[in-house]
Amino acid sequence: MQILIQPQEDYTVKPEEIKAHLDEIRNKIAAQVAEAGDLTQEEYDDVVKAVVGEYEAAKKITLDEAREIEANLQGGFEAIKAMIHKHTAK
């Protein structure tokens, strides 16, 4: 008997699921960054890669979506850093 297995790359993600996952990803990143305190750009990028990688590995988002989300979020380092400093410098 022979069993054929199709590649996992044939899955699709609906736009509303992507938005929900993006919100979850942002919240996870913000929580990890706030917990870590003062991060460098490189450390922030590592957090972004790790969190986005979790969603891609779990097949919640595609590889292309993961790359796009990662690039988009890595560009927000200064805004995240300013927001955290604003809320922690009281």
PDB file of N, CA and C in Angstrom:
ATOM      1  N   MET A   1       0.844  -1.170   0.000  1.00  0.00           N
ATOM      2  CA  MET A   1       0.000   0.000   0.000  1.00  0.00           C
ATOM      3  C   MET A   1       0.891   1.237   0.000  1.00  0.00           C
ATOM      4  N   GLN A   2       0.480   2.225  -0.777  1.00  0.00           N
ATOM      5  CA  GLN A   2       1.256   3.457  -0.898  1.00  0.00           C
ATOM      6  C   GLN A   2       0.384   4.632  -0.454  1.00  0.00           C
ATOM      7  N   ILE A   3       0.936   5.499   0.382  1.00  0.00           N
ATOM      8  CA  ILE A   3       0.218   6.669   0.862  1.00  0.00           C
ATOM      9  C   ILE A   3       0.884   7.904   0.288  1.00  0.00           C
ATOM     10  N   LEU A   4       0.085   8.752  -0.328  1.00  0.00           N
ATOM     11  CA  LEU A   4       0.605   9.993  -0.888  1.00  0.00           C
ATOM     12  C   LEU A   4       0.243  11.147   0.034  1.00  0.00           C
ATOM     13  N   ILE A   5       1.201  11.968   0.279  1.00  0.00           N
ATOM     14  CA  ILE A   5       0.995  13.122   1.147  1.00  0.00           C
ATOM     15  C   ILE A   5       1.243  14.378   0.326  1.00  0.00           C
ATOM     16  N   GLN A   6       0.269  15.310   0.380  1.00  0.00           N
ATOM     17  CA  GLN A   6       0.436  16.566  -0.346  1.00  0.00           C
ATOM     18  C   GLN A   6       1.200  17.557   0.515  1.00  0.00           C
ATOM     19  N   PRO A   7       1.949  18.430  -0.126  1.00  0.00           N
ATOM     20  CA  PRO A   7       2.692  19.439   0.626  1.00  0.00           C
ATOM     21  C   PRO A   7       1.750  20.366   1.387  1.00  0.00           C
ATOM     22  N   GLN A   8       2.207  20.838   2.526  1.00  0.00           N
ATOM     23  CA  GLN A   8       1.426  21.738   3.355  1.00  0.00           C
ATOM     24  C   GLN A   8       1.291  23.136   2.761  1.00  0.00           C
ATOM     25  N   GLU A   9       1.994  23.448   1.721  1.00  0.00           N
ATOM     26  CA  GLU A   9       2.013  24.797   1.168  1.00  0.00           C
ATOM     27  C   GLU A   9       0.767  25.136   0.370  1.00  0.00           C
ATOM     28  N   ASP A  10      -0.195  24.208   0.262  1.00  0.00           N
ATOM     29  CA  ASP A  10      -1.400  24.450  -0.493  1.00  0.00           C
ATOM     30  C   ASP A  10      -2.499  25.120   0.325  1.00  0.00           C
ATOM     31  N   TYR A  11      -2.227  25.478   1.558  1.00  0.00           N
ATOM     32  CA  TYR A  11      -3.236  26.099   2.389  1.00  0.00           C
ATOM     33  C   TYR A  11      -3.404  27.574   2.023  1.00  0.00           C
ATOM     34  N   THR A  12      -4.577  28.115   2.324  1.00  0.00           N
ATOM     35  CA  THR A  12      -4.834  29.535   2.092  1.00  0.00           C
ATOM     36  C   THR A  12      -5.334  30.151   3.390  1.00  0.00           C
ATOM     37  N   VAL A  13      -5.095  31.430   3.538  1.00  0.00           N
ATOM     38  CA  VAL A  13      -5.519  32.158   4.717  1.00  0.00           C
ATOM     39  C   VAL A  13      -6.439  33.277   4.251  1.00  0.00           C
ATOM     40  N   LYS A  14      -7.579  33.407   4.895  1.00  0.00           N
ATOM     41  CA  LYS A  14      -8.548  34.430   4.525  1.00  0.00           C
ATOM     42  C   LYS A  14      -8.087  35.790   5.039  1.00  0.00           C
ATOM     43  N   PRO A  15      -8.441  36.867   4.313  1.00  0.00           N
ATOM     44  CA  PRO A  15      -8.018  38.218   4.735  1.00  0.00           C
ATOM     45  C   PRO A  15      -8.400  38.562   6.171  1.00  0.00           C
ATOM     46  N   GLU A  16      -9.596  38.180   6.612  1.00  0.00           N
ATOM     47  CA  GLU A  16     -10.004  38.507   7.986  1.00  0.00           C
ATOM     48  C   GLU A  16      -9.159  37.738   9.007  1.00  0.00           C
ATOM     49  N   GLU A  17      -8.696  36.547   8.631  1.00  0.00           N
ATOM     50  CA  GLU A  17      -7.802  35.795   9.513  1.00  0.00           C
ATOM     51  C   GLU A  17      -6.442  36.472   9.598  1.00  0.00           C
ATOM     52  N   ILE A  18      -5.969  36.988   8.468  1.00  0.00           N
ATOM     53  CA  ILE A  18      -4.680  37.683   8.454  1.00  0.00           C
ATOM     54  C   ILE A  18      -4.733  38.895   9.368  1.00  0.00           C
ATOM     55  N   LYS A  19      -5.813  39.676   9.290  1.00  0.00           N
ATOM     56  CA  LYS A  19      -5.950  40.856  10.140  1.00  0.00           C
ATOM     57  C   LYS A  19      -5.967  40.459  11.617  1.00  0.00           C
ATOM     58  N   ALA A  20      -6.707  39.414  11.941  1.00  0.00           N
ATOM     59  CA  ALA A  20      -6.759  38.950  13.335  1.00  0.00           C
ATOM     60  C   ALA A  20      -5.377  38.496  13.805  1.00  0.00           C
ATOM     61  N   HIS A  21      -4.680  37.759  12.950  1.00  0.00           N
ATOM     62  CA  HIS A  21      -3.340  37.293  13.316  1.00  0.00           C
ATOM     63  C   HIS A  21      -2.373  38.465  13.444  1.00  0.00           C
ATOM     64  N   LEU A  22      -2.508  39.450  12.570  1.00  0.00           N
ATOM     65  CA  LEU A  22      -1.637  40.627  12.641  1.00  0.00           C
ATOM     66  C   LEU A  22      -1.842  41.358  13.964  1.00  0.00           C
ATOM     67  N   ASP A  23      -3.090  41.502  14.377  1.00  0.00           N
ATOM     68  CA  ASP A  23      -3.365  42.134  15.672  1.00  0.00           C
ATOM     69  C   ASP A  23      -2.750  41.333  16.813  1.00  0.00           C
ATOM     70  N   GLU A  24      -2.883  40.005  16.760  1.00  0.00           N
ATOM     71  CA  GLU A  24      -2.292  39.141  17.784  1.00  0.00           C
ATOM     72  C   GLU A  24      -0.773  39.277  17.799  1.00  0.00           C
ATOM     73  N   ILE A  25      -0.183  39.286  16.614  1.00  0.00           N
ATOM     74  CA  ILE A  25       1.269  39.400  16.493  1.00  0.00           C
ATOM     75  C   ILE A  25       1.741  40.720  17.083  1.00  0.00           C
ATOM     76  N   ARG A  26       1.071  41.803  16.729  1.00  0.00           N
ATOM     77  CA  ARG A  26       1.445  43.118  17.274  1.00  0.00           C
ATOM     78  C   ARG A  26       1.362  43.127  18.789  1.00  0.00           C
ATOM     79  N   ASN A  27       0.281  42.562  19.329  1.00  0.00           N
ATOM     80  CA  ASN A  27       0.117  42.536  20.784  1.00  0.00           C
ATOM     81  C   ASN A  27       1.202  41.698  21.460  1.00  0.00           C
ATOM     82  N   LYS A  28       1.541  40.563  20.870  1.00  0.00           N
ATOM     83  CA  LYS A  28       2.610  39.722  21.430  1.00  0.00           C
ATOM     84  C   LYS A  28       3.950  40.449  21.407  1.00  0.00           C
ATOM     85  N   ILE A  29       4.231  41.102  20.290  1.00  0.00           N
ATOM     86  CA  ILE A  29       5.493  41.833  20.172  1.00  0.00           C
ATOM     87  C   ILE A  29       5.539  42.961  21.193  1.00  0.00           C
ATOM     88  N   ALA A  30       4.457  43.720  21.298  1.00  0.00           N
ATOM     89  CA  ALA A  30       4.421  44.833  22.254  1.00  0.00           C
ATOM     90  C   ALA A  30       4.625  44.327  23.679  1.00  0.00           C
ATOM     91  N   ALA A  31       4.006  43.215  24.027  1.00  0.00           N
ATOM     92  CA  ALA A  31       4.163  42.661  25.373  1.00  0.00           C
ATOM     93  C   ALA A  31       5.607  42.227  25.627  1.00  0.00           C
ATOM     94  N   GLN A  32       6.215  41.567  24.653  1.00  0.00           N
ATOM     95  CA  GLN A  32       7.594  41.107  24.822  1.00  0.00           C
ATOM     96  C   GLN A  32       8.567  42.278  24.890  1.00  0.00           C
ATOM     97  N   VAL A  33       8.312  43.296  24.091  1.00  0.00           N
ATOM     98  CA  VAL A  33       9.196  44.467  24.093  1.00  0.00           C
ATOM     99  C   VAL A  33       9.061  45.216  25.414  1.00  0.00           C
ATOM    100  N   ALA A  34       7.836  45.378  25.892  1.00  0.00           N
ATOM    101  CA  ALA A  34       7.620  46.069  27.166  1.00  0.00           C
ATOM    102  C   ALA A  34       8.266  45.306  28.317  1.00  0.00           C
ATOM    103  N   GLU A  35       8.180  43.994  28.278  1.00  0.00           N
ATOM    104  CA  GLU A  35       8.769  43.155  29.315  1.00  0.00           C
ATOM    105  C   GLU A  35      10.296  43.227  29.291  1.00  0.00           C
ATOM    106  N   ALA A  36      10.850  43.285  28.093  1.00  0.00           N
ATOM    107  CA  ALA A  36      12.309  43.293  27.952  1.00  0.00           C
ATOM    108  C   ALA A  36      12.918  44.637  28.326  1.00  0.00           C
ATOM    109  N   GLY A  37      12.147  45.694  28.199  1.00  0.00           N
ATOM    110  CA  GLY A  37      12.669  47.018  28.525  1.00  0.00           C
ATOM    111  C   GLY A  37      13.330  47.667  27.333  1.00  0.00           C
ATOM    112  N   ASP A  38      14.472  48.291  27.559  1.00  0.00           N
ATOM    113  CA  ASP A  38      15.165  49.044  26.520  1.00  0.00           C
ATOM    114  C   ASP A  38      15.865  48.086  25.553  1.00  0.00           C
ATOM    115  N   LEU A  39      15.365  48.013  24.330  1.00  0.00           N
ATOM    116  CA  LEU A  39      15.913  47.118  23.323  1.00  0.00           C
ATOM    117  C   LEU A  39      16.627  47.901  22.226  1.00  0.00           C
ATOM    118  N   THR A  40      17.567  47.246  21.606  1.00  0.00           N
ATOM    119  CA  THR A  40      18.194  47.803  20.414  1.00  0.00           C
ATOM    120  C   THR A  40      17.340  47.417  19.210  1.00  0.00           C
ATOM    121  N   GLN A  41      17.614  48.015  18.071  1.00  0.00           N
ATOM    122  CA  GLN A  41      16.912  47.660  16.831  1.00  0.00           C
ATOM    123  C   GLN A  41      17.088  46.177  16.531  1.00  0.00           C
ATOM    124  N   GLU A  42      18.293  45.666  16.717  1.00  0.00           N
ATOM    125  CA  GLU A  42      18.570  44.256  16.439  1.00  0.00           C
ATOM    126  C   GLU A  42      17.760  43.336  17.353  1.00  0.00           C
ATOM    127  N   GLU A  43      17.692  43.662  18.638  1.00  0.00           N
ATOM    128  CA  GLU A  43      16.913  42.852  19.570  1.00  0.00           C
ATOM    129  C   GLU A  43      15.423  42.896  19.226  1.00  0.00           C
ATOM    130  N   TYR A  44      14.942  44.072  18.859  1.00  0.00           N
ATOM    131  CA  TYR A  44      13.541  44.218  18.447  1.00  0.00           C
ATOM    132  C   TYR A  44      13.272  43.369  17.210  1.00  0.00           C
ATOM    133  N   ASP A  45      14.171  43.434  16.235  1.00  0.00           N
ATOM    134  CA  ASP A  45      14.018  42.630  15.014  1.00  0.00           C
ATOM    135  C   ASP A  45      13.962  41.139  15.349  1.00  0.00           C
ATOM    136  N   ASP A  46      14.757  40.709  16.319  1.00  0.00           N
ATOM    137  CA  ASP A  46      14.746  39.303  16.737  1.00  0.00           C
ATOM    138  C   ASP A  46      13.393  38.916  17.333  1.00  0.00           C
ATOM    139  N   VAL A  47      12.807  39.814  18.131  1.00  0.00           N
ATOM    140  CA  VAL A  47      11.482  39.562  18.708  1.00  0.00           C
ATOM    141  C   VAL A  47      10.455  39.448  17.596  1.00  0.00           C
ATOM    142  N   VAL A  48      10.505  40.373  16.632  1.00  0.00           N
ATOM    143  CA  VAL A  48       9.566  40.356  15.506  1.00  0.00           C
ATOM    144  C   VAL A  48       9.697  39.044  14.740  1.00  0.00           C
ATOM    145  N   LYS A  49      10.922  38.666  14.414  1.00  0.00           N
ATOM    146  CA  LYS A  49      11.146  37.425  13.662  1.00  0.00           C
ATOM    147  C   LYS A  49      10.624  36.210  14.416  1.00  0.00           C
ATOM    148  N   ALA A  50      10.859  36.168  15.713  1.00  0.00           N
ATOM    149  CA  ALA A  50      10.429  35.021  16.517  1.00  0.00           C
ATOM    150  C   ALA A  50       8.906  34.905  16.559  1.00  0.00           C
ATOM    151  N   VAL A  51       8.242  36.015  16.812  1.00  0.00           N
ATOM    152  CA  VAL A  51       6.779  35.983  16.918  1.00  0.00           C
ATOM    153  C   VAL A  51       6.145  35.676  15.560  1.00  0.00           C
ATOM    154  N   VAL A  52       6.595  36.340  14.510  1.00  0.00           N
ATOM    155  CA  VAL A  52       6.052  36.081  13.169  1.00  0.00           C
ATOM    156  C   VAL A  52       6.356  34.638  12.766  1.00  0.00           C
ATOM    157  N   GLY A  53       7.541  34.166  13.113  1.00  0.00           N
ATOM    158  CA  GLY A  53       7.919  32.792  12.804  1.00  0.00           C
ATOM    159  C   GLY A  53       7.010  31.761  13.458  1.00  0.00           C
ATOM    160  N   GLU A  54       6.545  32.051  14.668  1.00  0.00           N
ATOM    161  CA  GLU A  54       5.615  31.151  15.352  1.00  0.00           C
ATOM    162  C   GLU A  54       4.325  30.992  14.540  1.00  0.00           C
ATOM    163  N   TYR A  55       3.817  32.096  14.032  1.00  0.00           N
ATOM    164  CA  TYR A  55       2.562  32.063  13.270  1.00  0.00           C
ATOM    165  C   TYR A  55       2.753  31.373  11.925  1.00  0.00           C
ATOM    166  N   GLU A  56       3.888  31.582  11.306  1.00  0.00           N
ATOM    167  CA  GLU A  56       4.151  30.936  10.016  1.00  0.00           C
ATOM    168  C   GLU A  56       4.347  29.441  10.219  1.00  0.00           C
ATOM    169  N   ALA A  57       5.068  29.061  11.257  1.00  0.00           N
ATOM    170  CA  ALA A  57       5.310  27.644  11.528  1.00  0.00           C
ATOM    171  C   ALA A  57       4.014  26.908  11.867  1.00  0.00           C
ATOM    172  N   ALA A  58       3.086  27.610  12.517  1.00  0.00           N
ATOM    173  CA  ALA A  58       1.799  27.008  12.873  1.00  0.00           C
ATOM    174  C   ALA A  58       0.811  27.052  11.703  1.00  0.00           C
ATOM    175  N   LYS A  59       1.272  27.550  10.551  1.00  0.00           N
ATOM    176  CA  LYS A  59       0.462  27.641   9.336  1.00  0.00           C
ATOM    177  C   LYS A  59      -0.744  28.568   9.505  1.00  0.00           C
ATOM    178  N   LYS A  60      -0.607  29.555  10.408  1.00  0.00           N
ATOM    179  CA  LYS A  60      -1.664  30.550  10.564  1.00  0.00           C
ATOM    180  C   LYS A  60      -1.544  31.624   9.496  1.00  0.00           C
ATOM    181  N   ILE A  61      -0.322  31.808   8.982  1.00  0.00           N
ATOM    182  CA  ILE A  61      -0.056  32.720   7.878  1.00  0.00           C
ATOM    183  C   ILE A  61       0.897  32.019   6.917  1.00  0.00           C
ATOM    184  N   THR A  62       0.885  32.460   5.669  1.00  0.00           N
ATOM    185  CA  THR A  62       1.779  31.861   4.681  1.00  0.00           C
ATOM    186  C   THR A  62       3.179  32.462   4.827  1.00  0.00           C
ATOM    187  N   LEU A  63       4.137  31.866   4.159  1.00  0.00           N
ATOM    188  CA  LEU A  63       5.506  32.369   4.194  1.00  0.00           C
ATOM    189  C   LEU A  63       5.574  33.780   3.616  1.00  0.00           C
ATOM    190  N   ASP A  64       4.883  34.011   2.516  1.00  0.00           N
ATOM    191  CA  ASP A  64       4.882  35.351   1.916  1.00  0.00           C
ATOM    192  C   ASP A  64       4.262  36.380   2.856  1.00  0.00           C
ATOM    193  N   GLU A  65       3.168  36.007   3.510  1.00  0.00           N
ATOM    194  CA  GLU A  65       2.531  36.914   4.466  1.00  0.00           C
ATOM    195  C   GLU A  65       3.459  37.171   5.649  1.00  0.00           C
ATOM    196  N   ALA A  66       4.154  36.147   6.096  1.00  0.00           N
ATOM    197  CA  ALA A  66       5.095  36.301   7.211  1.00  0.00           C
ATOM    198  C   ALA A  66       6.193  37.293   6.849  1.00  0.00           C
ATOM    199  N   ARG A  67       6.719  37.159   5.657  1.00  0.00           N
ATOM    200  CA  ARG A  67       7.782  38.085   5.216  1.00  0.00           C
ATOM    201  C   ARG A  67       7.275  39.520   5.151  1.00  0.00           C
ATOM    202  N   GLU A  68       6.060  39.690   4.620  1.00  0.00           N
ATOM    203  CA  GLU A  68       5.486  41.036   4.502  1.00  0.00           C
ATOM    204  C   GLU A  68       5.206  41.641   5.880  1.00  0.00           C
ATOM    205  N   ILE A  69       4.624  40.850   6.763  1.00  0.00           N
ATOM    206  CA  ILE A  69       4.334  41.327   8.119  1.00  0.00           C
ATOM    207  C   ILE A  69       5.624  41.667   8.846  1.00  0.00           C
ATOM    208  N   GLU A  70       6.619  40.802   8.734  1.00  0.00           N
ATOM    209  CA  GLU A  70       7.902  41.024   9.395  1.00  0.00           C
ATOM    210  C   GLU A  70       8.539  42.331   8.926  1.00  0.00           C
ATOM    211  N   ALA A  71       8.569  42.539   7.623  1.00  0.00           N
ATOM    212  CA  ALA A  71       9.166  43.767   7.076  1.00  0.00           C
ATOM    213  C   ALA A  71       8.397  45.003   7.553  1.00  0.00           C
ATOM    214  N   ASN A  72       7.093  44.882   7.586  1.00  0.00           N
ATOM    215  CA  ASN A  72       6.246  45.988   8.005  1.00  0.00           C
ATOM    216  C   ASN A  72       6.480  46.334   9.471  1.00  0.00           C
ATOM    217  N   LEU A  73       6.535  45.330  10.319  1.00  0.00           N
ATOM    218  CA  LEU A  73       6.701  45.566  11.753  1.00  0.00           C
ATOM    219  C   LEU A  73       8.117  46.008  12.119  1.00  0.00           C
ATOM    220  N   GLN A  74       9.120  45.539  11.388  1.00  0.00           N
ATOM    221  CA  GLN A  74      10.493  45.946  11.688  1.00  0.00           C
ATOM    222  C   GLN A  74      10.678  47.437  11.438  1.00  0.00           C
ATOM    223  N   GLY A  75       9.909  47.992  10.542  1.00  0.00           N
ATOM    224  CA  GLY A  75       9.993  49.426  10.279  1.00  0.00           C
ATOM    225  C   GLY A  75       9.404  50.278  11.381  1.00  0.00           C
ATOM    226  N   GLY A  76       8.719  49.666  12.337  1.00  0.00           N
ATOM    227  CA  GLY A  76       8.067  50.418  13.401  1.00  0.00           C
ATOM    228  C   GLY A  76       8.838  50.485  14.698  1.00  0.00           C
ATOM    229  N   PHE A  77      10.125  50.180  14.667  1.00  0.00           N
ATOM    230  CA  PHE A  77      10.918  50.130  15.897  1.00  0.00           C
ATOM    231  C   PHE A  77      10.904  51.454  16.650  1.00  0.00           C
ATOM    232  N   GLU A  78      11.146  52.543  15.990  1.00  0.00           N
ATOM    233  CA  GLU A  78      11.224  53.843  16.671  1.00  0.00           C
ATOM    234  C   GLU A  78       9.893  54.220  17.312  1.00  0.00           C
ATOM    235  N   ALA A  79       8.794  53.943  16.630  1.00  0.00           N
ATOM    236  CA  ALA A  79       7.474  54.257  17.178  1.00  0.00           C
ATOM    237  C   ALA A  79       7.194  53.416  18.421  1.00  0.00           C
ATOM    238  N   ILE A  80       7.530  52.145  18.370  1.00  0.00           N
ATOM    239  CA  ILE A  80       7.327  51.257  19.524  1.00  0.00           C
ATOM    240  C   ILE A  80       8.195  51.722  20.696  1.00  0.00           C
ATOM    241  N   LYS A  81       9.436  52.043  20.399  1.00  0.00           N
ATOM    242  CA  LYS A  81      10.367  52.484  21.436  1.00  0.00           C
ATOM    243  C   LYS A  81       9.864  53.769  22.098  1.00  0.00           C
ATOM    244  N   ALA A  82       9.403  54.726  21.307  1.00  0.00           N
ATOM    245  CA  ALA A  82       8.892  55.990  21.840  1.00  0.00           C
ATOM    246  C   ALA A  82       7.646  55.756  22.690  1.00  0.00           C
ATOM    247  N   MET A  83       6.766  54.876  22.241  1.00  0.00           N
ATOM    248  CA  MET A  83       5.541  54.583  22.971  1.00  0.00           C
ATOM    249  C   MET A  83       5.865  53.964  24.327  1.00  0.00           C
ATOM    250  N   ILE A  84       6.791  53.030  24.357  1.00  0.00           N
ATOM    251  CA  ILE A  84       7.145  52.363  25.615  1.00  0.00           C
ATOM    252  C   ILE A  84       7.792  53.360  26.576  1.00  0.00           C
ATOM    253  N   HIS A  85       8.690  54.196  26.066  1.00  0.00           N
ATOM    254  CA  HIS A  85       9.344  55.188  26.921  1.00  0.00           C
ATOM    255  C   HIS A  85       8.325  56.176  27.482  1.00  0.00           C
ATOM    256  N   LYS A  86       7.336  56.516  26.682  1.00  0.00           N
ATOM    257  CA  LYS A  86       6.295  57.449  27.120  1.00  0.00           C
ATOM    258  C   LYS A  86       5.501  56.865  28.280  1.00  0.00           C
ATOM    259  N   HIS A  87       5.210  55.574  28.220  1.00  0.00           N
ATOM    260  CA  HIS A  87       4.390  54.948  29.248  1.00  0.00           C
ATOM    261  C   HIS A  87       5.176  54.471  30.458  1.00  0.00           C
ATOM    262  N   THR A  88       6.485  54.314  30.314  1.00  0.00           N
ATOM    263  CA  THR A  88       7.283  53.841  31.445  1.00  0.00           C
ATOM    264  C   THR A  88       8.049  54.955  32.142  1.00  0.00           C
ATOM    265  N   ALA A  89       8.164  56.116  31.529  1.00  0.00           N
ATOM    266  CA  ALA A  89       8.919  57.237  32.115  1.00  0.00           C
ATOM    267  C   ALA A  89       7.976  58.162  32.865  1.00  0.00           C
ATOM    268  N   LYS A  90       7.486  57.683  33.977  1.00  0.00           N
ATOM    269  CA  LYS A  90       6.566  58.522  34.792  1.00  0.00           C
ATOM    270  C   LYS A  90       7.149  58.794  36.138  1.00  0.00           C
TER     271      LYS A  90
END
